[in-house]
Amino acid sequence: SVCFSNKNIVDENRTIVRNTIVSYILGLYVRNKISKSPPTSQWLQAFIASLSNEDVLFMKIEDIIKTTFYSYGHVSREFKKATGITIKEYILDQKINLSTRLLLETEQSVANIADLLNFSSSSAFVNLFTKKMNVSPKQFRMQNKQ
């Protein structure tokens, strides 16, 4: 029983590491794809560059998009055309990636982290985190805190 439990923890840790790496690679892919796409407009390139600024991830998605002075629909279409993924998916992946760091480097509660990252509720954050990382935020913190 103890060996089985340790195997589960090892499997969960592998899944967490894999998901974090996938999120990181996705960010690199988007930046690389944009930099090699000549038809991408300057405003979109500047917008995507701004998404690497961690402070932006503390904003609501709608407010992030408002910084472009274009409609949500226009930004969404142009982003998807340039990268192949939706702006919402990209930003949420980046927020989850940042949340893993916040969980490990701070003592902030899960609810506070959800609030900091402007999720509509802590349950929305927990559900997305669990879906992406295959472990709840509390379990992630317990398993990875040194």
N, C-alpha and C. Protein backbone atom coordinates (compact mmCIF):
# COMPACT_ATOMS: atom_id res chain seq x y z
N SER A 1 0.83 -1.21 0.00
CA SER A 1 0.00 0.00 0.00
C SER A 1 0.86 1.26 0.00
N VAL A 2 1.95 1.26 0.79
CA VAL A 2 2.84 2.42 0.84
C VAL A 2 3.54 2.60 -0.50
N CYS A 3 4.00 1.50 -1.10
CA CYS A 3 4.65 1.58 -2.41
C CYS A 3 3.71 2.11 -3.47
N PHE A 4 2.46 1.66 -3.40
CA PHE A 4 1.46 2.13 -4.35
C PHE A 4 1.23 3.62 -4.20
N SER A 5 1.17 4.09 -2.94
CA SER A 5 0.97 5.51 -2.66
C SER A 5 2.15 6.33 -3.19
N ASN A 6 3.38 5.86 -2.97
CA ASN A 6 4.56 6.57 -3.47
C ASN A 6 4.57 6.60 -4.99
N LYS A 7 4.14 5.53 -5.64
CA LYS A 7 4.07 5.49 -7.09
C LYS A 7 3.08 6.54 -7.59
N ASN A 8 1.94 6.68 -6.90
CA ASN A 8 0.96 7.69 -7.29
C ASN A 8 1.53 9.09 -7.19
N ILE A 9 2.28 9.36 -6.13
CA ILE A 9 2.89 10.69 -5.95
C ILE A 9 3.91 10.94 -7.05
N VAL A 10 4.72 9.94 -7.37
CA VAL A 10 5.71 10.09 -8.45
C VAL A 10 5.00 10.35 -9.77
N ASP A 11 3.92 9.60 -10.04
CA ASP A 11 3.16 9.80 -11.28
C ASP A 11 2.56 11.20 -11.33
N GLU A 12 2.01 11.67 -10.20
CA GLU A 12 1.41 13.01 -10.15
C GLU A 12 2.48 14.07 -10.37
N ASN A 13 3.66 13.88 -9.76
CA ASN A 13 4.74 14.85 -9.94
C ASN A 13 5.21 14.89 -11.39
N ARG A 14 5.28 13.75 -12.04
CA ARG A 14 5.64 13.71 -13.45
C ARG A 14 4.61 14.48 -14.28
N THR A 15 3.35 14.29 -13.96
CA THR A 15 2.28 14.98 -14.68
C THR A 15 2.40 16.49 -14.48
N ILE A 16 2.67 16.92 -13.26
CA ILE A 16 2.82 18.35 -12.96
C ILE A 16 3.99 18.93 -13.74
N VAL A 17 5.12 18.25 -13.70
CA VAL A 17 6.30 18.73 -14.43
C VAL A 17 6.00 18.77 -15.92
N ARG A 18 5.37 17.72 -16.45
CA ARG A 18 5.03 17.69 -17.87
C ARG A 18 4.13 18.86 -18.25
N ASN A 19 3.09 19.11 -17.45
CA ASN A 19 2.16 20.20 -17.77
C ASN A 19 2.84 21.57 -17.69
N THR A 20 3.74 21.75 -16.73
CA THR A 20 4.47 23.01 -16.63
C THR A 20 5.37 23.21 -17.84
N ILE A 21 6.03 22.15 -18.25
CA ILE A 21 6.90 22.22 -19.43
C ILE A 21 6.08 22.50 -20.68
N VAL A 22 4.93 21.86 -20.81
CA VAL A 22 4.06 22.08 -21.97
C VAL A 22 3.61 23.53 -22.02
N SER A 23 3.24 24.09 -20.86
CA SER A 23 2.83 25.49 -20.81
C SER A 23 3.97 26.42 -21.22
N TYR A 24 5.17 26.12 -20.75
CA TYR A 24 6.34 26.92 -21.11
C TYR A 24 6.62 26.83 -22.61
N ILE A 25 6.58 25.62 -23.13
CA ILE A 25 6.83 25.42 -24.56
C ILE A 25 5.77 26.11 -25.40
N LEU A 26 4.52 26.07 -24.94
CA LEU A 26 3.44 26.76 -25.65
C LEU A 26 3.74 28.25 -25.76
N GLY A 27 4.22 28.84 -24.67
CA GLY A 27 4.59 30.26 -24.69
C GLY A 27 5.71 30.53 -25.69
N LEU A 28 6.72 29.67 -25.68
CA LEU A 28 7.82 29.82 -26.64
C LEU A 28 7.32 29.66 -28.07
N TYR A 29 6.45 28.69 -28.28
CA TYR A 29 5.91 28.43 -29.62
C TYR A 29 5.16 29.66 -30.14
N VAL A 30 4.32 30.24 -29.30
CA VAL A 30 3.54 31.40 -29.73
C VAL A 30 4.47 32.55 -30.07
N ARG A 31 5.45 32.83 -29.20
CA ARG A 31 6.38 33.94 -29.49
C ARG A 31 7.19 33.66 -30.75
N ASN A 32 7.63 32.43 -30.93
CA ASN A 32 8.41 32.06 -32.10
C ASN A 32 7.58 32.14 -33.38
N LYS A 33 6.36 31.64 -33.30
CA LYS A 33 5.49 31.65 -34.47
C LYS A 33 5.19 33.09 -34.90
N ILE A 34 4.93 33.95 -33.93
CA ILE A 34 4.65 35.35 -34.24
C ILE A 34 5.87 36.02 -34.86
N SER A 35 7.05 35.75 -34.30
CA SER A 35 8.24 36.43 -34.81
C SER A 35 8.57 36.00 -36.24
N LYS A 36 8.09 34.82 -36.66
CA LYS A 36 8.38 34.34 -38.01
C LYS A 36 7.23 34.59 -38.98
N SER A 37 6.17 35.22 -38.52
CA SER A 37 5.01 35.46 -39.37
C SER A 37 5.03 36.89 -39.88
N PRO A 38 5.47 37.12 -41.11
CA PRO A 38 5.56 38.49 -41.62
C PRO A 38 4.24 39.24 -41.68
N PRO A 39 3.10 38.57 -41.95
CA PRO A 39 1.88 39.35 -42.06
C PRO A 39 1.31 39.86 -40.73
N THR A 40 1.89 39.46 -39.60
CA THR A 40 1.38 39.90 -38.31
C THR A 40 1.62 41.40 -38.15
N SER A 41 0.57 42.10 -37.77
CA SER A 41 0.68 43.55 -37.62
C SER A 41 1.51 43.92 -36.39
N GLN A 42 2.00 45.16 -36.40
CA GLN A 42 2.85 45.63 -35.31
C GLN A 42 2.11 45.65 -33.99
N TRP A 43 0.83 46.07 -34.02
CA TRP A 43 0.09 46.13 -32.77
C TRP A 43 -0.04 44.75 -32.15
N LEU A 44 -0.22 43.71 -32.97
CA LEU A 44 -0.36 42.35 -32.45
C LEU A 44 0.97 41.86 -31.89
N GLN A 45 2.05 42.17 -32.58
CA GLN A 45 3.37 41.79 -32.08
C GLN A 45 3.64 42.46 -30.73
N ALA A 46 3.30 43.74 -30.62
CA ALA A 46 3.50 44.47 -29.36
C ALA A 46 2.61 43.89 -28.27
N PHE A 47 1.38 43.54 -28.63
CA PHE A 47 0.45 42.97 -27.67
C PHE A 47 0.99 41.64 -27.14
N ILE A 48 1.44 40.78 -28.03
CA ILE A 48 1.95 39.48 -27.62
C ILE A 48 3.20 39.64 -26.76
N ALA A 49 4.05 40.58 -27.12
CA ALA A 49 5.23 40.85 -26.30
C ALA A 49 4.81 41.30 -24.90
N SER A 50 3.74 42.08 -24.81
CA SER A 50 3.27 42.55 -23.50
C SER A 50 2.77 41.40 -22.62
N LEU A 51 2.35 40.30 -23.25
CA LEU A 51 1.84 39.16 -22.48
C LEU A 51 2.95 38.44 -21.71
N SER A 52 4.20 38.71 -22.05
CA SER A 52 5.29 38.09 -21.30
C SER A 52 5.58 38.87 -20.02
N ASN A 53 4.97 40.04 -19.87
CA ASN A 53 5.09 40.82 -18.65
C ASN A 53 4.15 40.22 -17.60
N GLU A 54 4.71 39.72 -16.53
CA GLU A 54 3.93 39.04 -15.50
C GLU A 54 2.81 39.91 -14.94
N ASP A 55 3.04 41.22 -14.83
CA ASP A 55 2.03 42.11 -14.26
C ASP A 55 0.73 42.08 -15.07
N VAL A 56 0.83 41.85 -16.36
CA VAL A 56 -0.34 41.79 -17.22
C VAL A 56 -1.25 40.62 -16.80
N LEU A 57 -0.64 39.54 -16.33
CA LEU A 57 -1.42 38.35 -15.98
C LEU A 57 -2.28 38.55 -14.73
N PHE A 58 -2.06 39.63 -14.00
CA PHE A 58 -2.88 39.94 -12.84
C PHE A 58 -4.16 40.68 -13.24
N MET A 59 -4.29 40.99 -14.52
CA MET A 59 -5.47 41.69 -15.03
C MET A 59 -6.51 40.69 -15.53
N LYS A 60 -7.75 41.16 -15.67
CA LYS A 60 -8.78 40.35 -16.30
C LYS A 60 -8.47 40.25 -17.80
N ILE A 61 -8.86 39.14 -18.40
CA ILE A 61 -8.59 38.94 -19.83
C ILE A 61 -9.18 40.09 -20.65
N GLU A 62 -10.39 40.51 -20.32
CA GLU A 62 -11.03 41.60 -21.06
C GLU A 62 -10.23 42.89 -20.96
N ASP A 63 -9.67 43.15 -19.76
CA ASP A 63 -8.88 44.36 -19.57
C ASP A 63 -7.53 44.27 -20.29
N ILE A 64 -6.97 43.08 -20.37
CA ILE A 64 -5.73 42.89 -21.12
C ILE A 64 -5.98 43.23 -22.59
N ILE A 65 -7.08 42.75 -23.12
CA ILE A 65 -7.40 42.99 -24.53
C ILE A 65 -7.71 44.46 -24.78
N LYS A 66 -8.32 45.14 -23.81
CA LYS A 66 -8.64 46.56 -23.97
C LYS A 66 -7.39 47.41 -24.18
N THR A 67 -6.24 46.93 -23.71
CA THR A 67 -5.00 47.69 -23.89
C THR A 67 -4.64 47.86 -25.36
N THR A 68 -5.22 47.04 -26.23
CA THR A 68 -4.94 47.14 -27.67
C THR A 68 -5.81 48.19 -28.35
N PHE A 69 -6.90 48.58 -27.70
CA PHE A 69 -7.88 49.51 -28.26
C PHE A 69 -8.66 48.89 -29.42
N TYR A 70 -8.61 47.56 -29.54
CA TYR A 70 -9.41 46.83 -30.52
C TYR A 70 -10.45 46.01 -29.77
N SER A 71 -11.46 45.56 -30.49
CA SER A 71 -12.50 44.75 -29.86
C SER A 71 -11.96 43.37 -29.50
N TYR A 72 -12.63 42.75 -28.54
CA TYR A 72 -12.25 41.40 -28.13
C TYR A 72 -12.28 40.46 -29.33
N GLY A 73 -13.33 40.56 -30.14
CA GLY A 73 -13.47 39.70 -31.31
C GLY A 73 -12.32 39.87 -32.30
N HIS A 74 -11.94 41.12 -32.55
CA HIS A 74 -10.86 41.39 -33.50
C HIS A 74 -9.53 40.83 -32.98
N VAL A 75 -9.22 41.12 -31.71
CA VAL A 75 -7.97 40.63 -31.13
C VAL A 75 -7.96 39.11 -31.12
N SER A 76 -9.08 38.53 -30.77
CA SER A 76 -9.19 37.07 -30.71
C SER A 76 -8.95 36.44 -32.09
N ARG A 77 -9.59 36.99 -33.11
CA ARG A 77 -9.41 36.46 -34.47
C ARG A 77 -7.97 36.59 -34.95
N GLU A 78 -7.38 37.78 -34.76
CA GLU A 78 -6.02 38.01 -35.21
C GLU A 78 -5.02 37.15 -34.46
N PHE A 79 -5.21 36.99 -33.16
CA PHE A 79 -4.32 36.17 -32.35
C PHE A 79 -4.40 34.71 -32.81
N LYS A 80 -5.61 34.21 -33.00
CA LYS A 80 -5.79 32.82 -33.43
C LYS A 80 -5.19 32.60 -34.83
N LYS A 81 -5.39 33.58 -35.71
CA LYS A 81 -4.85 33.48 -37.06
C LYS A 81 -3.31 33.43 -37.02
N ALA A 82 -2.72 34.21 -36.14
CA ALA A 82 -1.26 34.30 -36.07
C ALA A 82 -0.63 33.13 -35.32
N THR A 83 -1.35 32.57 -34.33
CA THR A 83 -0.73 31.57 -33.45
C THR A 83 -1.34 30.18 -33.54
N GLY A 84 -2.58 30.11 -33.97
CA GLY A 84 -3.25 28.81 -34.03
C GLY A 84 -3.97 28.44 -32.74
N ILE A 85 -3.86 29.27 -31.69
CA ILE A 85 -4.60 29.03 -30.45
C ILE A 85 -5.37 30.29 -30.08
N THR A 86 -6.35 30.13 -29.20
CA THR A 86 -7.14 31.30 -28.80
C THR A 86 -6.38 32.13 -27.77
N ILE A 87 -6.70 33.40 -27.75
CA ILE A 87 -6.08 34.31 -26.79
C ILE A 87 -6.44 33.91 -25.37
N LYS A 88 -7.69 33.51 -25.17
CA LYS A 88 -8.14 33.10 -23.84
C LYS A 88 -7.36 31.88 -23.35
N GLU A 89 -7.20 30.89 -24.22
CA GLU A 89 -6.46 29.68 -23.86
C GLU A 89 -5.00 30.04 -23.50
N TYR A 90 -4.39 30.89 -24.30
CA TYR A 90 -3.01 31.27 -24.05
C TYR A 90 -2.86 31.99 -22.72
N ILE A 91 -3.72 32.98 -22.47
CA ILE A 91 -3.62 33.76 -21.23
C ILE A 91 -3.91 32.88 -20.02
N LEU A 92 -4.92 32.02 -20.11
CA LEU A 92 -5.22 31.13 -18.98
C LEU A 92 -4.06 30.17 -18.70
N ASP A 93 -3.43 29.67 -19.74
CA ASP A 93 -2.26 28.80 -19.55
C ASP A 93 -1.14 29.56 -18.85
N GLN A 94 -0.94 30.81 -19.24
CA GLN A 94 0.11 31.61 -18.61
C GLN A 94 -0.24 31.91 -17.15
N LYS A 95 -1.53 32.14 -16.87
CA LYS A 95 -1.96 32.38 -15.49
C LYS A 95 -1.76 31.13 -14.63
N ILE A 96 -2.06 29.97 -15.17
CA ILE A 96 -1.85 28.73 -14.42
C ILE A 96 -0.36 28.53 -14.17
N ASN A 97 0.45 28.80 -15.16
CA ASN A 97 1.89 28.69 -15.01
C ASN A 97 2.39 29.62 -13.89
N LEU A 98 1.91 30.87 -13.89
CA LEU A 98 2.28 31.82 -12.84
C LEU A 98 1.75 31.34 -11.48
N SER A 99 0.57 30.78 -11.45
CA SER A 99 0.00 30.33 -10.18
C SER A 99 0.83 29.22 -9.54
N THR A 100 1.46 28.38 -10.36
CA THR A 100 2.31 27.33 -9.78
C THR A 100 3.47 27.96 -9.01
N ARG A 101 4.01 29.02 -9.56
CA ARG A 101 5.09 29.73 -8.87
C ARG A 101 4.58 30.40 -7.59
N LEU A 102 3.42 31.03 -7.67
CA LEU A 102 2.86 31.69 -6.50
C LEU A 102 2.55 30.68 -5.39
N LEU A 103 2.08 29.51 -5.77
CA LEU A 103 1.79 28.47 -4.78
C LEU A 103 3.05 28.01 -4.06
N LEU A 104 4.15 27.95 -4.79
CA LEU A 104 5.39 27.45 -4.20
C LEU A 104 6.21 28.52 -3.50
N GLU A 105 6.12 29.76 -3.98
CA GLU A 105 7.00 30.81 -3.46
C GLU A 105 6.34 31.74 -2.46
N THR A 106 5.03 31.62 -2.29
CA THR A 106 4.33 32.48 -1.33
C THR A 106 3.49 31.62 -0.40
N GLU A 107 2.98 32.25 0.62
CA GLU A 107 2.05 31.58 1.54
C GLU A 107 0.61 32.01 1.25
N GLN A 108 0.39 32.68 0.11
CA GLN A 108 -0.95 33.14 -0.26
C GLN A 108 -1.91 31.95 -0.32
N SER A 109 -3.12 32.16 0.11
CA SER A 109 -4.12 31.09 0.03
C SER A 109 -4.51 30.89 -1.43
N VAL A 110 -5.10 29.75 -1.71
CA VAL A 110 -5.58 29.46 -3.07
C VAL A 110 -6.60 30.52 -3.48
N ALA A 111 -7.48 30.89 -2.57
CA ALA A 111 -8.49 31.91 -2.87
C ALA A 111 -7.83 33.25 -3.20
N ASN A 112 -6.79 33.62 -2.46
CA ASN A 112 -6.09 34.88 -2.74
C ASN A 112 -5.39 34.85 -4.09
N ILE A 113 -4.80 33.71 -4.43
CA ILE A 113 -4.13 33.59 -5.73
C ILE A 113 -5.16 33.69 -6.85
N ALA A 114 -6.30 33.04 -6.67
CA ALA A 114 -7.38 33.13 -7.66
C ALA A 114 -7.82 34.58 -7.83
N ASP A 115 -7.93 35.29 -6.72
CA ASP A 115 -8.33 36.70 -6.76
C ASP A 115 -7.24 37.56 -7.42
N LEU A 116 -5.98 37.33 -7.06
CA LEU A 116 -4.87 38.07 -7.66
C LEU A 116 -4.83 37.92 -9.17
N LEU A 117 -5.12 36.72 -9.65
CA LEU A 117 -5.05 36.44 -11.08
C LEU A 117 -6.38 36.72 -11.79
N ASN A 118 -7.29 37.33 -11.05
CA ASN A 118 -8.59 37.78 -11.60
C ASN A 118 -9.44 36.66 -12.18
N PHE A 119 -9.47 35.53 -11.50
CA PHE A 119 -10.43 34.49 -11.88
C PHE A 119 -11.78 34.91 -11.33
N SER A 120 -12.84 34.47 -11.98
CA SER A 120 -14.19 34.86 -11.57
C SER A 120 -14.52 34.35 -10.17
N SER A 121 -13.91 33.23 -9.77
CA SER A 121 -14.10 32.67 -8.44
C SER A 121 -12.94 31.74 -8.13
N SER A 122 -12.79 31.42 -6.86
CA SER A 122 -11.72 30.49 -6.51
C SER A 122 -12.04 29.10 -7.05
N SER A 123 -13.31 28.74 -7.14
CA SER A 123 -13.65 27.42 -7.67
C SER A 123 -13.34 27.34 -9.17
N ALA A 124 -13.51 28.45 -9.90
CA ALA A 124 -13.14 28.46 -11.33
C ALA A 124 -11.63 28.25 -11.47
N PHE A 125 -10.86 28.89 -10.59
CA PHE A 125 -9.41 28.72 -10.60
C PHE A 125 -9.03 27.27 -10.27
N VAL A 126 -9.61 26.74 -9.19
CA VAL A 126 -9.29 25.37 -8.76
C VAL A 126 -9.65 24.38 -9.86
N ASN A 127 -10.80 24.56 -10.49
CA ASN A 127 -11.22 23.64 -11.56
C ASN A 127 -10.27 23.68 -12.74
N LEU A 128 -9.88 24.88 -13.18
CA LEU A 128 -8.96 25.00 -14.31
C LEU A 128 -7.58 24.46 -13.95
N PHE A 129 -7.10 24.81 -12.76
CA PHE A 129 -5.79 24.33 -12.31
C PHE A 129 -5.77 22.81 -12.29
N THR A 130 -6.81 22.23 -11.71
CA THR A 130 -6.88 20.77 -11.61
C THR A 130 -6.96 20.13 -12.98
N LYS A 131 -7.69 20.75 -13.89
CA LYS A 131 -7.79 20.22 -15.25
C LYS A 131 -6.44 20.26 -15.96
N LYS A 132 -5.73 21.37 -15.81
CA LYS A 132 -4.45 21.54 -16.50
C LYS A 132 -3.31 20.76 -15.85
N MET A 133 -3.32 20.68 -14.53
CA MET A 133 -2.18 20.10 -13.81
C MET A 133 -2.46 18.69 -13.26
N ASN A 134 -3.68 18.23 -13.38
CA ASN A 134 -4.09 16.90 -12.87
C ASN A 134 -3.90 16.75 -11.37
N VAL A 135 -3.92 17.86 -10.67
CA VAL A 135 -3.82 17.88 -9.22
C VAL A 135 -4.37 19.22 -8.75
N SER A 136 -5.00 19.25 -7.59
CA SER A 136 -5.55 20.52 -7.10
C SER A 136 -4.42 21.45 -6.66
N PRO A 137 -4.69 22.75 -6.56
CA PRO A 137 -3.64 23.68 -6.12
C PRO A 137 -3.08 23.32 -4.73
N LYS A 138 -3.95 22.92 -3.81
CA LYS A 138 -3.47 22.55 -2.47
C LYS A 138 -2.58 21.32 -2.53
N GLN A 139 -2.99 20.33 -3.32
CA GLN A 139 -2.16 19.13 -3.45
C GLN A 139 -0.83 19.48 -4.11
N PHE A 140 -0.87 20.33 -5.12
CA PHE A 140 0.35 20.77 -5.80
C PHE A 140 1.31 21.39 -4.80
N ARG A 141 0.79 22.29 -3.96
CA ARG A 141 1.63 22.97 -2.97
C ARG A 141 2.21 21.96 -1.97
N MET A 142 1.38 21.07 -1.47
CA MET A 142 1.85 20.08 -0.48
C MET A 142 2.92 19.17 -1.07
N GLN A 143 2.75 18.75 -2.31
CA GLN A 143 3.67 17.80 -2.93
C GLN A 143 4.99 18.43 -3.35
N ASN A 144 4.99 19.74 -3.60
CA ASN A 144 6.17 20.37 -4.17
C ASN A 144 6.85 21.39 -3.27
N LYS A 145 6.25 21.70 -2.14
CA LYS A 145 6.84 22.68 -1.22
C LYS A 145 8.05 22.06 -0.55
N GLN A 146 9.14 22.75 -0.56
CA GLN A 146 10.38 22.22 0.05
C GLN A 146 10.40 22.49 1.52
